[in-house]
Amino acid sequence: MSLLLTRLFLSLVLKPRPAAKERGDVPGWVLITVMTAGLVVAIWTLAQDQLKAMLERALDSVTNK
């Protein structure tokens, strides 16, 4: 009986868990995050004056009413 319990216990303990197999796509998410940050910096650098003017116009139209 103890041999049966030992084998059952070992099969449960040594059985690979589904979470261990699926680690996710962490490098993919890191790449997406870095690329998004790079795009934001590039767009902000190229269009800083236009974005600032657009924001000022939008805020003026709201506060002047």
C-alpha atoms as a PDB file:
ATOM      1  CA  MET A   1       0.000   0.000   0.000  1.00  0.00           C
ATOM      2  CA  SER A   2       2.810   2.395   0.818  1.00  0.00           C
ATOM      3  CA  LEU A   3       4.408   1.742  -2.573  1.00  0.00           C
ATOM      4  CA  LEU A   4       1.153   2.685  -4.273  1.00  0.00           C
ATOM      5  CA  LEU A   5       0.866   5.880  -2.225  1.00  0.00           C
ATOM      6  CA  THR A   6       4.498   6.730  -2.926  1.00  0.00           C
ATOM      7  CA  ARG A   7       4.019   6.314  -6.675  1.00  0.00           C
ATOM      8  CA  LEU A   8       0.812   8.374  -6.593  1.00  0.00           C
ATOM      9  CA  PHE A   9       2.517  11.121  -4.630  1.00  0.00           C
ATOM     10  CA  LEU A  10       5.536  11.193  -6.943  1.00  0.00           C
ATOM     11  CA  SER A  11       3.356  11.235 -10.047  1.00  0.00           C
ATOM     12  CA  LEU A  12       1.473  14.251  -8.697  1.00  0.00           C
ATOM     13  CA  VAL A  13       4.594  16.090  -7.554  1.00  0.00           C
ATOM     14  CA  LEU A  14       6.728  15.364 -10.608  1.00  0.00           C
ATOM     15  CA  LYS A  15       3.925  15.919 -13.116  1.00  0.00           C
ATOM     16  CA  PRO A  16       4.655  19.055 -15.181  1.00  0.00           C
ATOM     17  CA  ARG A  17       2.157  21.770 -14.496  1.00  0.00           C
ATOM     18  CA  PRO A  18       0.501  23.610 -17.398  1.00  0.00           C
ATOM     19  CA  ALA A  19       1.778  26.944 -16.072  1.00  0.00           C
ATOM     20  CA  ALA A  20       5.360  25.692 -16.324  1.00  0.00           C
ATOM     21  CA  LYS A  21       4.917  24.898 -20.017  1.00  0.00           C
ATOM     22  CA  GLU A  22       3.344  28.223 -20.989  1.00  0.00           C
ATOM     23  CA  ARG A  23       5.616  31.061 -20.013  1.00  0.00           C
ATOM     24  CA  GLY A  24       3.965  33.621 -22.272  1.00  0.00           C
ATOM     25  CA  ASP A  25       5.509  35.912 -24.794  1.00  0.00           C
ATOM     26  CA  VAL A  26       7.455  38.289 -22.550  1.00  0.00           C
ATOM     27  CA  PRO A  27      10.109  39.238 -25.140  1.00  0.00           C
ATOM     28  CA  GLY A  28       7.338  40.122 -27.586  1.00  0.00           C
ATOM     29  CA  TRP A  29       5.652  42.441 -25.098  1.00  0.00           C
ATOM     30  CA  VAL A  30       8.965  44.061 -24.222  1.00  0.00           C
ATOM     31  CA  LEU A  31       9.654  44.655 -27.905  1.00  0.00           C
ATOM     32  CA  ILE A  32       6.197  46.176 -28.441  1.00  0.00           C
ATOM     33  CA  THR A  33       6.647  48.464 -25.420  1.00  0.00           C
ATOM     34  CA  VAL A  34      10.108  49.640 -26.501  1.00  0.00           C
ATOM     35  CA  MET A  35       8.978  50.226 -30.093  1.00  0.00           C
ATOM     36  CA  THR A  36       5.926  52.194 -28.918  1.00  0.00           C
ATOM     37  CA  ALA A  37       8.084  54.376 -26.688  1.00  0.00           C
ATOM     38  CA  GLY A  38      10.463  54.937 -29.600  1.00  0.00           C
ATOM     39  CA  LEU A  39       7.607  55.972 -31.892  1.00  0.00           C
ATOM     40  CA  VAL A  40       6.280  58.415 -29.303  1.00  0.00           C
ATOM     41  CA  VAL A  41       9.711  60.006 -28.891  1.00  0.00           C
ATOM     42  CA  ALA A  42      10.216  60.206 -32.665  1.00  0.00           C
ATOM     43  CA  ILE A  43       6.804  61.765 -33.317  1.00  0.00           C
ATOM     44  CA  TRP A  44       7.202  64.160 -30.394  1.00  0.00           C
ATOM     45  CA  THR A  45      10.632  65.246 -31.663  1.00  0.00           C
ATOM     46  CA  LEU A  46       9.440  65.844 -35.216  1.00  0.00           C
ATOM     47  CA  ALA A  47       6.133  67.527 -34.408  1.00  0.00           C
ATOM     48  CA  GLN A  48       6.761  69.235 -31.065  1.00  0.00           C
ATOM     49  CA  ASP A  49       5.841  72.749 -32.250  1.00  0.00           C
ATOM     50  CA  GLN A  50       2.703  71.610 -34.045  1.00  0.00           C
ATOM     51  CA  LEU A  51       1.560  69.490 -31.103  1.00  0.00           C
ATOM     52  CA  LYS A  52       2.134  72.365 -28.682  1.00  0.00           C
ATOM     53  CA  ALA A  53       0.162  74.769 -30.881  1.00  0.00           C
ATOM     54  CA  MET A  54      -2.659  72.260 -31.291  1.00  0.00           C
ATOM     55  CA  LEU A  55      -2.863  71.726 -27.521  1.00  0.00           C
ATOM     56  CA  GLU A  56      -2.870  75.473 -26.846  1.00  0.00           C
ATOM     57  CA  ARG A  57      -5.672  76.021 -29.387  1.00  0.00           C
ATOM     58  CA  ALA A  58      -7.725  73.222 -27.851  1.00  0.00           C
ATOM     59  CA  LEU A  59      -7.272  74.559 -24.328  1.00  0.00           C
ATOM     60  CA  ASP A  60      -8.038  78.133 -25.443  1.00  0.00           C
ATOM     61  CA  SER A  61     -11.249  77.021 -27.139  1.00  0.00           C
ATOM     62  CA  VAL A  62     -12.388  75.318 -23.938  1.00  0.00           C
ATOM     63  CA  THR A  63     -11.394  78.067 -21.487  1.00  0.00           C
ATOM     64  CA  ASN A  64     -12.648  80.996 -23.597  1.00  0.00           C
ATOM     65  CA  LYS A  65     -16.251  79.783 -23.700  1.00  0.00           C
END
